[in-house]
C-alpha atoms as a PDB file:
ATOM      1  CA  MET A   1       0.001  -0.002   0.000  1.00  0.00           C
ATOM      2  CA  LEU A   2       2.759   2.464   0.932  1.00  0.00           C
ATOM      3  CA  ASN A   3       4.587   1.731  -2.318  1.00  0.00           C
ATOM      4  CA  ARG A   4       1.464   2.662  -4.269  1.00  0.00           C
ATOM      5  CA  LEU A   5       0.973   5.899  -2.346  1.00  0.00           C
ATOM      6  CA  PHE A   6       4.554   7.098  -2.696  1.00  0.00           C
ATOM      7  CA  ARG A   7       5.065   6.382  -6.369  1.00  0.00           C
ATOM      8  CA  LYS A   8       4.644   8.960  -9.108  1.00  0.00           C
ATOM      9  CA  GLU A   9       1.921   8.768 -11.735  1.00  0.00           C
ATOM     10  CA  GLY A  10       1.092  10.966 -14.683  1.00  0.00           C
ATOM     11  CA  ALA A  11      -1.644  13.467 -15.401  1.00  0.00           C
ATOM     12  CA  PHE A  12      -1.979  14.514 -19.068  1.00  0.00           C
ATOM     13  CA  ALA A  13      -3.025  17.682 -20.895  1.00  0.00           C
ATOM     14  CA  VAL A  14      -3.186  18.956 -24.484  1.00  0.00           C
ATOM     15  CA  ALA A  15      -0.535  21.100 -26.173  1.00  0.00           C
ATOM     16  CA  LEU A  16      -0.729  22.393 -29.785  1.00  0.00           C
ATOM     17  CA  PHE A  17       2.083  23.834 -31.873  1.00  0.00           C
ATOM     18  CA  ALA A  18       2.190  25.475 -35.314  1.00  0.00           C
ATOM     19  CA  ASN A  19       4.930  25.964 -37.871  1.00  0.00           C
ATOM     20  CA  ASP A  20       5.213  27.151 -41.476  1.00  0.00           C
ATOM     21  CA  ARG A  21       6.891  23.943 -42.597  1.00  0.00           C
ATOM     22  CA  LEU A  22       6.439  20.257 -41.884  1.00  0.00           C
ATOM     23  CA  THR A  23       9.031  19.286 -39.292  1.00  0.00           C
ATOM     24  CA  LEU A  24       9.436  17.354 -36.062  1.00  0.00           C
ATOM     25  CA  ASP A  25      11.488  20.158 -34.504  1.00  0.00           C
ATOM     26  CA  ALA A  26       8.696  22.609 -33.637  1.00  0.00           C
ATOM     27  CA  LEU A  27       7.421  21.093 -30.392  1.00  0.00           C
ATOM     28  CA  ASP A  28       8.616  23.882 -28.098  1.00  0.00           C
ATOM     29  CA  GLU A  29       7.529  27.091 -26.373  1.00  0.00           C
ATOM     30  CA  GLU A  30       8.310  29.204 -29.452  1.00  0.00           C
ATOM     31  CA  HIS A  31       5.719  27.381 -31.578  1.00  0.00           C
ATOM     32  CA  LEU A  32       3.094  26.797 -28.875  1.00  0.00           C
ATOM     33  CA  VAL A  33      -0.391  28.063 -29.892  1.00  0.00           C
ATOM     34  CA  TYR A  34      -2.723  26.362 -27.401  1.00  0.00           C
ATOM     35  CA  LYS A  35      -2.352  24.573 -24.089  1.00  0.00           C
ATOM     36  CA  LEU A  36      -4.745  23.019 -21.596  1.00  0.00           C
ATOM     37  CA  ASP A  37      -2.895  23.225 -18.301  1.00  0.00           C
ATOM     38  CA  ILE A  38      -2.907  20.584 -15.601  1.00  0.00           C
ATOM     39  CA  LYS A  39      -4.216  22.470 -12.582  1.00  0.00           C
ATOM     40  CA  GLU A  40      -6.469  22.372  -9.533  1.00  0.00           C
ATOM     41  CA  LEU A  41      -5.489  18.802  -8.689  1.00  0.00           C
ATOM     42  CA  TRP A  42      -6.202  19.542  -5.038  1.00  0.00           C
ATOM     43  CA  ARG A  43      -9.875  20.310  -5.623  1.00  0.00           C
ATOM     44  CA  PRO A  44     -12.659  17.715  -5.317  1.00  0.00           C
ATOM     45  CA  LYS A  45     -13.112  15.853  -8.625  1.00  0.00           C
ATOM     46  CA  PRO A  46     -10.258  17.585 -10.470  1.00  0.00           C
ATOM     47  CA  VAL A  47      -9.466  17.016 -14.135  1.00  0.00           C
ATOM     48  CA  LEU A  48      -6.825  14.280 -14.398  1.00  0.00           C
ATOM     49  CA  TYR A  49      -6.764  13.772 -18.176  1.00  0.00           C
ATOM     50  CA  GLN A  50      -7.101  16.185 -21.090  1.00  0.00           C
ATOM     51  CA  ALA A  51      -5.330  13.824 -23.421  1.00  0.00           C
ATOM     52  CA  ASP A  52      -5.310  12.006 -26.770  1.00  0.00           C
ATOM     53  CA  SER A  53      -5.622  15.106 -28.944  1.00  0.00           C
ATOM     54  CA  PHE A  54      -6.949  14.755 -32.508  1.00  0.00           C
ATOM     55  CA  LEU A  55      -7.329  17.490 -35.128  1.00  0.00           C
ATOM     56  CA  PHE A  56     -10.009  17.706 -37.791  1.00  0.00           C
ATOM     57  CA  VAL A  57     -10.402  20.470 -40.404  1.00  0.00           C
ATOM     58  CA  LYS A  58     -13.900  21.289 -41.656  1.00  0.00           C
ATOM     59  CA  GLY A  59     -14.360  24.345 -43.845  1.00  0.00           C
ATOM     60  CA  ASP A  60     -12.603  27.291 -42.224  1.00  0.00           C
ATOM     61  CA  GLU A  61     -12.547  25.761 -38.734  1.00  0.00           C
ATOM     62  CA  LEU A  62     -10.047  23.559 -36.939  1.00  0.00           C
ATOM     63  CA  PHE A  63     -11.595  21.176 -34.412  1.00  0.00           C
ATOM     64  CA  LEU A  64      -9.630  19.694 -31.536  1.00  0.00           C
ATOM     65  CA  PHE A  65     -11.114  16.557 -29.965  1.00  0.00           C
ATOM     66  CA  TYR A  66      -9.656  15.101 -26.785  1.00  0.00           C
ATOM     67  CA  GLU A  67     -10.298  12.861 -23.798  1.00  0.00           C
ATOM     68  CA  LEU A  68     -11.634  14.660 -20.732  1.00  0.00           C
ATOM     69  CA  GLN A  69     -11.641  12.765 -17.458  1.00  0.00           C
ATOM     70  CA  HIS A  70     -12.461  14.018 -13.987  1.00  0.00           C
ATOM     71  CA  TRP A  71     -11.481  12.232 -10.823  1.00  0.00           C
ATOM     72  CA  ASP A  72     -13.538   9.041 -10.346  1.00  0.00           C
ATOM     73  CA  ASP A  73     -15.623   9.575 -13.525  1.00  0.00           C
ATOM     74  CA  PRO A  74     -15.438   7.751 -16.863  1.00  0.00           C
ATOM     75  CA  GLY A  75     -13.657   9.633 -19.624  1.00  0.00           C
ATOM     76  CA  VAL A  76     -15.753  11.602 -22.107  1.00  0.00           C
ATOM     77  CA  ILE A  77     -14.876  13.236 -25.434  1.00  0.00           C
ATOM     78  CA  ALA A  78     -14.635  17.031 -25.475  1.00  0.00           C
ATOM     79  CA  MET A  79     -14.049  19.505 -28.302  1.00  0.00           C
ATOM     80  CA  VAL A  80     -12.801  23.046 -28.843  1.00  0.00           C
ATOM     81  CA  LYS A  81     -12.415  24.846 -32.171  1.00  0.00           C
ATOM     82  CA  THR A  82     -10.774  27.868 -33.767  1.00  0.00           C
ATOM     83  CA  ARG A  83     -10.728  29.854 -36.997  1.00  0.00           C
ATOM     84  CA  ASP A  84      -7.350  31.531 -36.555  1.00  0.00           C
ATOM     85  CA  LEU A  85      -5.240  29.508 -34.023  1.00  0.00           C
ATOM     86  CA  ARG A  86      -5.545  32.423 -31.598  1.00  0.00           C
ATOM     87  CA  THR A  87      -9.140  32.491 -30.364  1.00  0.00           C
ATOM     88  CA  TRP A  88     -10.621  29.202 -29.193  1.00  0.00           C
ATOM     89  CA  SER A  89     -14.150  28.213 -28.240  1.00  0.00           C
ATOM     90  CA  GLN A  90     -15.079  26.958 -24.784  1.00  0.00           C
ATOM     91  CA  PRO A  91     -14.863  23.154 -24.371  1.00  0.00           C
ATOM     92  CA  VAL A  92     -18.051  21.205 -25.030  1.00  0.00           C
ATOM     93  CA  VAL A  93     -18.639  17.489 -24.352  1.00  0.00           C
ATOM     94  CA  VAL A  94     -19.576  15.833 -27.670  1.00  0.00           C
ATOM     95  CA  LEU A  95     -19.742  12.162 -26.660  1.00  0.00           C
ATOM     96  CA  LYS A  96     -20.465  10.427 -23.365  1.00  0.00           C
ATOM     97  CA  GLN A  97     -21.112   6.738 -22.720  1.00  0.00           C
ATOM     98  CA  PRO A  98     -21.579   4.520 -19.629  1.00  0.00           C
ATOM     99  CA  PHE A  99     -17.987   3.329 -20.153  1.00  0.00           C
ATOM    100  CA  HIS A 100     -14.684   5.192 -20.423  1.00  0.00           C
ATOM    101  CA  LEU A 101     -13.895   6.931 -23.736  1.00  0.00           C
ATOM    102  CA  SER A 102     -10.579   8.291 -25.020  1.00  0.00           C
ATOM    103  CA  PHE A 103      -8.480   8.515 -28.227  1.00  0.00           C
ATOM    104  CA  PRO A 104     -11.203  10.283 -30.317  1.00  0.00           C
ATOM    105  CA  TYR A 105     -10.072   9.559 -33.879  1.00  0.00           C
ATOM    106  CA  VAL A 106     -12.289  11.678 -36.177  1.00  0.00           C
ATOM    107  CA  PHE A 107     -12.371  11.299 -39.962  1.00  0.00           C
ATOM    108  CA  GLU A 108     -14.551  12.001 -43.001  1.00  0.00           C
ATOM    109  CA  ASP A 109     -15.843   9.365 -45.404  1.00  0.00           C
ATOM    110  CA  GLY A 110     -18.516   9.700 -48.075  1.00  0.00           C
ATOM    111  CA  GLY A 111     -19.254  13.274 -47.035  1.00  0.00           C
ATOM    112  CA  GLN A 112     -19.997  12.259 -43.436  1.00  0.00           C
ATOM    113  CA  VAL A 113     -17.924  12.777 -40.289  1.00  0.00           C
ATOM    114  CA  PHE A 114     -17.255   9.763 -38.071  1.00  0.00           C
ATOM    115  CA  MET A 115     -15.494   9.067 -34.801  1.00  0.00           C
ATOM    116  CA  VAL A 116     -13.849   5.877 -33.561  1.00  0.00           C
ATOM    117  CA  PRO A 117     -13.009   6.532 -29.901  1.00  0.00           C
ATOM    118  CA  GLU A 118     -11.241   4.069 -27.680  1.00  0.00           C
ATOM    119  CA  SER A 119     -13.883   2.177 -25.720  1.00  0.00           C
ATOM    120  CA  GLN A 120     -11.853  -0.778 -24.499  1.00  0.00           C
ATOM    121  CA  GLU A 121     -13.848  -0.988 -21.264  1.00  0.00           C
ATOM    122  CA  SER A 122     -16.755  -2.253 -23.397  1.00  0.00           C
ATOM    123  CA  ASP A 123     -14.461  -4.844 -25.048  1.00  0.00           C
ATOM    124  CA  ALA A 124     -15.419  -3.426 -28.455  1.00  0.00           C
ATOM    125  CA  ILE A 125     -14.648  -0.873 -31.155  1.00  0.00           C
ATOM    126  CA  HIS A 126     -17.633   1.370 -31.929  1.00  0.00           C
ATOM    127  CA  LEU A 127     -18.278   3.678 -34.890  1.00  0.00           C
ATOM    128  CA  PHE A 128     -20.071   6.980 -34.202  1.00  0.00           C
ATOM    129  CA  ARG A 129     -21.362   9.586 -36.680  1.00  0.00           C
ATOM    130  CA  ALA A 130     -21.689  13.358 -36.222  1.00  0.00           C
ATOM    131  CA  ASP A 131     -25.253  14.526 -35.669  1.00  0.00           C
ATOM    132  CA  ASN A 132     -24.710  18.042 -37.041  1.00  0.00           C
ATOM    133  CA  ASP A 133     -22.300  20.249 -38.983  1.00  0.00           C
ATOM    134  CA  GLU A 134     -21.048  21.841 -35.760  1.00  0.00           C
ATOM    135  CA  LEU A 135     -19.764  18.399 -34.630  1.00  0.00           C
ATOM    136  CA  THR A 136     -21.161  18.967 -31.140  1.00  0.00           C
ATOM    137  CA  SER A 137     -22.679  15.481 -30.754  1.00  0.00           C
ATOM    138  CA  PHE A 138     -22.173  11.995 -32.151  1.00  0.00           C
ATOM    139  CA  SER A 139     -24.433   8.923 -32.283  1.00  0.00           C
ATOM    140  CA  LEU A 140     -23.626   5.230 -32.477  1.00  0.00           C
ATOM    141  CA  VAL A 141     -23.723   3.717 -35.970  1.00  0.00           C
ATOM    142  CA  ARG A 142     -22.430   0.199 -35.358  1.00  0.00           C
ATOM    143  CA  THR A 143     -19.939  -1.956 -33.489  1.00  0.00           C
ATOM    144  CA  LEU A 144     -16.977  -2.808 -35.697  1.00  0.00           C
ATOM    145  CA  LEU A 145     -15.306  -5.462 -33.538  1.00  0.00           C
ATOM    146  CA  HIS A 146     -15.961  -7.238 -30.239  1.00  0.00           C
ATOM    147  CA  GLN A 147     -14.059  -9.838 -28.276  1.00  0.00           C
ATOM    148  CA  GLU A 148     -14.216 -11.258 -24.775  1.00  0.00           C
ATOM    149  CA  ARG A 149     -11.576 -10.300 -22.244  1.00  0.00           C
ATOM    150  CA  ALA A 150      -9.996 -13.741 -21.834  1.00  0.00           C
ATOM    151  CA  ASN A 151      -6.763 -15.678 -22.272  1.00  0.00           C
ATOM    152  CA  GLY A 152      -4.654 -13.206 -20.304  1.00  0.00           C
ATOM    153  CA  ILE A 153      -5.973 -10.033 -22.032  1.00  0.00           C
ATOM    154  CA  HIS A 154      -5.726  -6.992 -19.742  1.00  0.00           C
ATOM    155  CA  TYR A 155      -6.680  -4.260 -22.213  1.00  0.00           C
ATOM    156  CA  ASN A 156      -8.961  -4.800 -25.193  1.00  0.00           C
ATOM    157  CA  TYR A 157      -8.877  -2.764 -28.427  1.00  0.00           C
ATOM    158  CA  ASP A 158      -6.702   0.142 -27.326  1.00  0.00           C
ATOM    159  CA  ASP A 159      -6.305   3.313 -29.440  1.00  0.00           C
ATOM    160  CA  SER A 160      -7.962   2.260 -32.693  1.00  0.00           C
ATOM    161  CA  HIS A 161      -8.077   4.192 -35.961  1.00  0.00           C
ATOM    162  CA  ILE A 162      -8.945   3.610 -39.628  1.00  0.00           C
ATOM    163  CA  TYR A 163      -6.918   4.333 -42.753  1.00  0.00           C
ATOM    164  CA  LYS A 164      -8.581   4.115 -46.171  1.00  0.00           C
ATOM    165  CA  LYS A 165      -6.520   3.095 -49.180  1.00  0.00           C
ATOM    166  CA  GLY A 166      -8.321   2.536 -52.453  1.00  0.00           C
ATOM    167  CA  GLY A 167     -11.573   0.852 -51.523  1.00  0.00           C
ATOM    168  CA  THR A 168     -10.191  -0.878 -48.437  1.00  0.00           C
ATOM    169  CA  TYR A 169     -10.541   0.258 -44.830  1.00  0.00           C
ATOM    170  CA  TYR A 170      -7.554  -0.681 -42.664  1.00  0.00           C
ATOM    171  CA  LEU A 171      -8.351  -0.776 -38.955  1.00  0.00           C
ATOM    172  CA  PHE A 172      -5.334  -0.477 -36.621  1.00  0.00           C
ATOM    173  CA  THR A 173      -5.844  -1.450 -32.984  1.00  0.00           C
ATOM    174  CA  SER A 174      -4.064  -3.170 -30.108  1.00  0.00           C
ATOM    175  CA  TYR A 175      -4.607  -5.308 -27.050  1.00  0.00           C
ATOM    176  CA  GLN A 176      -2.396  -6.171 -24.109  1.00  0.00           C
ATOM    177  CA  ARG A 177      -1.955  -9.799 -23.143  1.00  0.00           C
ATOM    178  CA  ASP A 178       0.282 -10.930 -20.293  1.00  0.00           C
ATOM    179  CA  TRP A 179       1.497  -7.298 -20.101  1.00  0.00           C
ATOM    180  CA  MET A 180       2.673  -7.208 -23.735  1.00  0.00           C
ATOM    181  CA  TYR A 181       1.078  -5.053 -26.466  1.00  0.00           C
ATOM    182  CA  TYR A 182      -0.004  -6.637 -29.756  1.00  0.00           C
ATOM    183  CA  GLN A 183      -0.690  -4.293 -32.673  1.00  0.00           C
ATOM    184  CA  GLU A 184      -3.453  -5.818 -34.778  1.00  0.00           C
ATOM    185  CA  LEU A 185      -4.662  -4.991 -38.294  1.00  0.00           C
ATOM    186  CA  TYR A 186      -8.126  -5.653 -39.759  1.00  0.00           C
ATOM    187  CA  THR A 187      -9.616  -4.878 -43.186  1.00  0.00           C
ATOM    188  CA  SER A 188     -13.051  -4.333 -44.696  1.00  0.00           C
ATOM    189  CA  ASP A 189     -14.453  -3.067 -47.992  1.00  0.00           C
ATOM    190  CA  ASP A 190     -17.531  -1.475 -46.386  1.00  0.00           C
ATOM    191  CA  LEU A 191     -17.360   0.831 -43.375  1.00  0.00           C
ATOM    192  CA  LEU A 192     -21.072   0.854 -42.594  1.00  0.00           C
ATOM    193  CA  SER A 193     -21.999  -2.802 -43.048  1.00  0.00           C
ATOM    194  CA  GLY A 194     -18.927  -4.848 -43.966  1.00  0.00           C
ATOM    195  CA  GLN A 195     -17.186  -7.341 -41.711  1.00  0.00           C
ATOM    196  CA  PHE A 196     -13.709  -6.423 -40.483  1.00  0.00           C
ATOM    197  CA  ARG A 197     -11.423  -9.409 -40.993  1.00  0.00           C
ATOM    198  CA  ARG A 198      -8.053  -9.975 -39.379  1.00  0.00           C
ATOM    199  CA  HIS A 199      -5.189  -9.168 -41.770  1.00  0.00           C
ATOM    200  CA  PRO A 200      -2.887 -12.078 -42.748  1.00  0.00           C
ATOM    201  CA  ALA A 201       0.140 -10.194 -41.334  1.00  0.00           C
ATOM    202  CA  SER A 202      -1.532  -9.494 -37.965  1.00  0.00           C
ATOM    203  CA  PRO A 203      -0.143  -8.952 -35.379  1.00  0.00           C
ATOM    204  CA  ILE A 204       2.015  -6.423 -37.197  1.00  0.00           C
ATOM    205  CA  CYS A 205       3.994  -5.529 -34.062  1.00  0.00           C
ATOM    206  CA  VAL A 206       4.500  -7.164 -30.655  1.00  0.00           C
ATOM    207  CA  SER A 207       6.211  -4.665 -28.372  1.00  0.00           C
ATOM    208  CA  ASN A 208       5.617  -2.434 -25.340  1.00  0.00           C
ATOM    209  CA  GLU A 209       7.659   0.282 -27.069  1.00  0.00           C
ATOM    210  CA  PHE A 210       5.981   0.264 -30.495  1.00  0.00           C
ATOM    211  CA  GLY A 211       2.900  -1.963 -30.163  1.00  0.00           C
ATOM    212  CA  ARG A 212       0.373   0.651 -28.989  1.00  0.00           C
ATOM    213  CA  ASN A 213      -0.755   3.597 -31.133  1.00  0.00           C
ATOM    214  CA  GLY A 214      -0.125   7.206 -30.142  1.00  0.00           C
ATOM    215  CA  GLY A 215      -2.237   8.752 -32.903  1.00  0.00           C
ATOM    216  CA  SER A 216      -3.542   7.949 -36.374  1.00  0.00           C
ATOM    217  CA  LEU A 217      -1.395   7.410 -39.477  1.00  0.00           C
ATOM    218  CA  ILE A 218       0.401  10.542 -40.686  1.00  0.00           C
ATOM    219  CA  ASP A 219       1.325  11.493 -44.265  1.00  0.00           C
ATOM    220  CA  PHE A 220       4.712  13.054 -43.613  1.00  0.00           C
ATOM    221  CA  ASP A 221       6.103  14.484 -46.846  1.00  0.00           C
ATOM    222  CA  GLY A 222       5.120  11.391 -48.822  1.00  0.00           C
ATOM    223  CA  ARG A 223       6.001   8.942 -46.043  1.00  0.00           C
ATOM    224  CA  LEU A 224       3.211   7.065 -44.281  1.00  0.00           C
ATOM    225  CA  LEU A 225       3.991   6.990 -40.548  1.00  0.00           C
ATOM    226  CA  ARG A 226       2.367   5.036 -37.731  1.00  0.00           C
ATOM    227  CA  VAL A 227       2.561   6.854 -34.382  1.00  0.00           C
ATOM    228  CA  THR A 228       3.419   4.676 -31.399  1.00  0.00           C
ATOM    229  CA  GLN A 229       3.550   5.378 -27.670  1.00  0.00           C
ATOM    230  CA  ASP A 230       6.371   4.058 -25.541  1.00  0.00           C
ATOM    231  CA  CYS A 231       5.034   2.029 -22.611  1.00  0.00           C
ATOM    232  CA  HIS A 232       7.977  -0.303 -22.028  1.00  0.00           C
ATOM    233  CA  ALA A 233       9.352   1.515 -18.953  1.00  0.00           C
ATOM    234  CA  ASP A 234       6.447   3.729 -17.891  1.00  0.00           C
ATOM    235  CA  TYR A 235       3.089   4.708 -19.350  1.00  0.00           C
ATOM    236  CA  GLY A 236       3.240   7.773 -21.603  1.00  0.00           C
ATOM    237  CA  ASP A 237       7.020   8.173 -21.742  1.00  0.00           C
ATOM    238  CA  ASN A 238       7.242   9.366 -25.371  1.00  0.00           C
ATOM    239  CA  VAL A 239       6.093   8.678 -28.928  1.00  0.00           C
ATOM    240  CA  SER A 240       7.990   7.166 -31.837  1.00  0.00           C
ATOM    241  CA  LEU A 241       7.247   6.853 -35.557  1.00  0.00           C
ATOM    242  CA  MET A 242       7.209   3.703 -37.677  1.00  0.00           C
ATOM    243  CA  GLU A 243       7.312   4.124 -41.464  1.00  0.00           C
ATOM    244  CA  VAL A 244       4.804   1.927 -43.275  1.00  0.00           C
ATOM    245  CA  THR A 245       6.566   0.717 -46.415  1.00  0.00           C
ATOM    246  CA  ARG A 246       4.015  -1.841 -47.580  1.00  0.00           C
ATOM    247  CA  LEU A 247       0.271  -1.941 -46.995  1.00  0.00           C
ATOM    248  CA  ASP A 248      -2.189  -4.025 -48.948  1.00  0.00           C
ATOM    249  CA  GLU A 249      -4.803  -6.663 -48.195  1.00  0.00           C
ATOM    250  CA  LEU A 250      -2.225  -9.460 -48.036  1.00  0.00           C
ATOM    251  CA  SER A 251       0.961  -7.888 -46.656  1.00  0.00           C
ATOM    252  CA  TYR A 252       2.258  -5.249 -44.260  1.00  0.00           C
ATOM    253  CA  GLU A 253       5.756  -3.937 -43.603  1.00  0.00           C
ATOM    254  CA  GLU A 254       7.099  -1.146 -41.394  1.00  0.00           C
ATOM    255  CA  HIS A 255      10.381  -0.026 -39.849  1.00  0.00           C
ATOM    256  CA  LEU A 256      11.488   2.541 -37.270  1.00  0.00           C
ATOM    257  CA  PHE A 257      11.528   6.083 -38.675  1.00  0.00           C
ATOM    258  CA  LYS A 258      12.228   8.092 -35.493  1.00  0.00           C
ATOM    259  CA  ARG A 259      12.413   7.150 -31.835  1.00  0.00           C
ATOM    260  CA  ASN A 260      11.382   9.598 -29.056  1.00  0.00           C
ATOM    261  CA  VAL A 261       9.807  12.423 -31.052  1.00  0.00           C
ATOM    262  CA  LEU A 262       8.799  14.551 -28.050  1.00  0.00           C
ATOM    263  CA  PRO A 263      11.785  16.579 -26.785  1.00  0.00           C
ATOM    264  CA  ARG A 264      12.665  16.696 -23.093  1.00  0.00           C
ATOM    265  CA  ASN A 265      12.027  20.440 -22.890  1.00  0.00           C
ATOM    266  CA  SER A 266       9.993  22.557 -20.466  1.00  0.00           C
ATOM    267  CA  ILE A 267       6.710  21.137 -21.793  1.00  0.00           C
ATOM    268  CA  PHE A 268       7.560  17.452 -22.099  1.00  0.00           C
ATOM    269  CA  THR A 269       9.662  17.149 -18.934  1.00  0.00           C
ATOM    270  CA  ASP A 270       7.869  13.940 -17.931  1.00  0.00           C
ATOM    271  CA  GLY A 271       6.894  12.787 -21.416  1.00  0.00           C
ATOM    272  CA  GLY A 272       3.710  12.497 -23.466  1.00  0.00           C
ATOM    273  CA  HIS A 273       1.906   9.910 -25.582  1.00  0.00           C
ATOM    274  CA  GLN A 274       0.143  11.510 -28.557  1.00  0.00           C
ATOM    275  CA  LEU A 275       0.926  13.148 -31.916  1.00  0.00           C
ATOM    276  CA  ASN A 276      -1.442  14.280 -34.648  1.00  0.00           C
ATOM    277  CA  ILE A 277      -0.757  16.710 -37.530  1.00  0.00           C
ATOM    278  CA  ALA A 278      -3.111  18.814 -39.690  1.00  0.00           C
ATOM    279  CA  ARG A 279      -2.718  21.579 -42.271  1.00  0.00           C
ATOM    280  CA  PHE A 280      -4.644  24.738 -41.339  1.00  0.00           C
ATOM    281  CA  CYS A 281      -4.357  28.507 -41.984  1.00  0.00           C
ATOM    282  CA  GLY A 282      -1.269  27.947 -44.098  1.00  0.00           C
ATOM    283  CA  LYS A 283       0.522  26.214 -41.225  1.00  0.00           C
ATOM    284  CA  TYR A 284       1.204  22.729 -39.997  1.00  0.00           C
ATOM    285  CA  VAL A 285      -0.490  22.210 -36.634  1.00  0.00           C
ATOM    286  CA  TYR A 286       0.837  19.571 -34.264  1.00  0.00           C
ATOM    287  CA  ALA A 287      -1.477  18.205 -31.567  1.00  0.00           C
ATOM    288  CA  THR A 288       0.184  16.438 -28.643  1.00  0.00           C
ATOM    289  CA  ASP A 289      -0.378  15.798 -24.981  1.00  0.00           C
ATOM    290  CA  TYR A 290       2.165  16.234 -22.224  1.00  0.00           C
ATOM    291  CA  LYS A 291       2.567  14.391 -18.933  1.00  0.00           C
ATOM    292  CA  GLN A 292       3.244  15.740 -15.468  1.00  0.00           C
ATOM    293  CA  ASN A 293       4.120  13.196 -12.802  1.00  0.00           C
ATOM    294  CA  ARG A 294       2.534  13.662  -9.390  1.00  0.00           C
ATOM    295  CA  TRP A 295       2.977  11.789  -6.129  1.00  0.00           C
ATOM    296  CA  ALA A 296       0.130   9.280  -5.961  1.00  0.00           C
ATOM    297  CA  TRP A 297      -0.696  10.126  -2.341  1.00  0.00           C
ATOM    298  CA  TYR A 298      -2.554  13.249  -3.554  1.00  0.00           C
ATOM    299  CA  ARG A 299      -5.362  10.873  -4.532  1.00  0.00           C
ATOM    300  CA  LEU A 300      -6.122  10.284  -0.827  1.00  0.00           C
ATOM    301  CA  TRP A 301      -6.573  14.023  -0.384  1.00  0.00           C
ATOM    302  CA  ILE A 302      -8.844  14.229  -3.435  1.00  0.00           C
ATOM    303  CA  ALA A 303     -10.933  11.303  -2.179  1.00  0.00           C
ATOM    304  CA  LEU A 304     -11.321  12.981   1.229  1.00  0.00           C
ATOM    305  CA  LEU A 305     -12.349  16.316  -0.317  1.00  0.00           C
ATOM    306  CA  THR A 306     -14.842  14.544  -2.586  1.00  0.00           C
ATOM    307  CA  LYS A 307     -16.475  12.781   0.356  1.00  0.00           C
ATOM    308  CA  LEU A 308     -16.663  16.013   2.334  1.00  0.00           C
ATOM    309  CA  LYS A 309     -18.222  17.764  -0.662  1.00  0.00           C
ATOM    310  CA  LEU A 310     -20.825  15.014  -1.085  1.00  0.00           C
ATOM    311  CA  HIS A 311     -21.578  15.138   2.655  1.00  0.00           C
ATOM    312  CA  GLU A 312     -22.177  18.897   2.404  1.00  0.00           C
ATOM    313  CA  HIS A 313     -24.642  18.397  -0.447  1.00  0.00           C
ATOM    314  CA  LYS A 314     -26.537  15.731   1.492  1.00  0.00           C
ATOM    315  CA  GLY A 315     -26.663  18.011   4.546  1.00  0.00           C
END
């Protein structure tokens, strides 16, 4: 018990950067355009996670979707948006379920906007569709995959996203069995009604350093990169990039492009585990999250404050 209380654990928050050119060297204070600080951890039900940032451009607006989790509540998906990278809207919750949600991968297909959030607590991958042009709410369309949590599986369908090539949808996901991450690949020819079948090359990676996704696939100056999060020493240490050199319905090949993308500067002192890139307002925008380690014993204080707060309401 004492070991658990006196260890450090991470809280995460969003940081966005912008640069005129496509580079991996702009993740610093000079290029910072938006940041959701980690603060008020000593209050009842503080925000512990503002993580897993994803960008989506629609018309003249840039949308930022991210995981929002308060103390002792399931994670929900929140959104802010901007037209100029300077003025941002207030956060709004766009998706909430009875189970934890994170990793809100948003994409457009056939003129419609979809989301595939992580919902591993439900042991499934679900597809949601935007209810309106403002992207302020999403509704369930279908369940893409489901499997029982058995045979040593600790985490089911972590950090899933879809990449479309030709007429084929490639679904990247992962699970953790016996404390090792397996990166899986599935394919389908129909997003709305087709069956997703396991790719012949799956698992495409078995590793705690490269086996779990840290974002969706990135087109980086003609190179197709898979973002991975490093979990081999500690959760959320950094992200690395694997270059996908072959992707079709029968084969898959990748190799390491860059290890430890996030610099150990004033923002990423304790690490981070997300990277997403979009082109907006003539700039390349980089969405990340950063980690700040805290002594775990603060959770006892939060739990006490929460109980006192609830007692006051009952009184």
